[in-house]
Amino acid sequence: MAGSSLVRLQKYMAECGVASRKKSEELISSGKVKINGHPASIGG
């Protein structure tokens, strides 16, 4: 997509006020964050 850039999920969560980047990473790693019904993962 022209003009779009990727943003790490934990950064996006922090910018939206969900949690800090570190806490967001912990939530993602523990399987508490889902995208379209599937657990999110870091790095991949």
Protein backbone atom coordinates (compact mmCIF):
# COMPACT_ATOMS: atom_id res chain seq x y z
CA MET A 1 0.00 0.00 0.00
CA ALA A 2 1.36 3.35 -0.96
CA GLY A 3 1.95 5.72 1.93
CA SER A 4 1.27 3.21 4.70
CA SER A 5 3.77 2.10 7.29
CA LEU A 6 3.77 -0.77 9.75
CA VAL A 7 3.47 -0.06 13.47
CA ARG A 8 4.28 -2.60 16.15
CA LEU A 9 1.16 -3.74 17.97
CA GLN A 10 2.55 -2.93 21.42
CA LYS A 11 3.39 0.61 20.27
CA TYR A 12 -0.10 1.06 18.84
CA MET A 13 -1.69 -0.21 22.06
CA ALA A 14 0.44 2.23 24.07
CA GLU A 15 -0.46 5.16 21.80
CA CYS A 16 -4.18 4.31 22.19
CA GLY A 17 -3.83 4.29 25.98
CA VAL A 18 -4.52 0.58 26.49
CA ALA A 19 -1.28 -0.06 28.39
CA SER A 20 2.40 0.86 28.35
CA ARG A 21 4.55 -0.73 25.64
CA LYS A 22 6.09 -3.15 28.13
CA LYS A 23 2.72 -4.13 29.62
CA SER A 24 1.26 -4.46 26.11
CA GLU A 25 4.08 -6.83 25.20
CA GLU A 26 3.32 -8.91 28.31
CA LEU A 27 -0.38 -9.04 27.40
CA ILE A 28 0.42 -10.12 23.85
CA SER A 29 2.91 -12.77 24.99
CA SER A 30 0.44 -14.21 27.50
CA GLY A 31 -2.22 -14.64 24.79
CA LYS A 32 -4.63 -12.04 26.17
CA VAL A 33 -4.64 -9.97 22.97
CA LYS A 34 -6.56 -11.30 19.98
CA ILE A 35 -6.84 -10.04 16.42
CA ASN A 36 -9.85 -11.27 14.46
CA GLY A 37 -10.34 -13.98 17.09
CA HIS A 38 -6.76 -15.28 16.90
CA PRO A 39 -4.08 -14.71 19.54
CA ALA A 40 -1.64 -11.97 18.55
CA SER A 41 2.07 -12.73 18.54
CA ILE A 42 5.23 -10.70 18.72
CA GLY A 43 7.76 -10.78 15.92
CA GLY A 44 6.08 -12.47 13.22
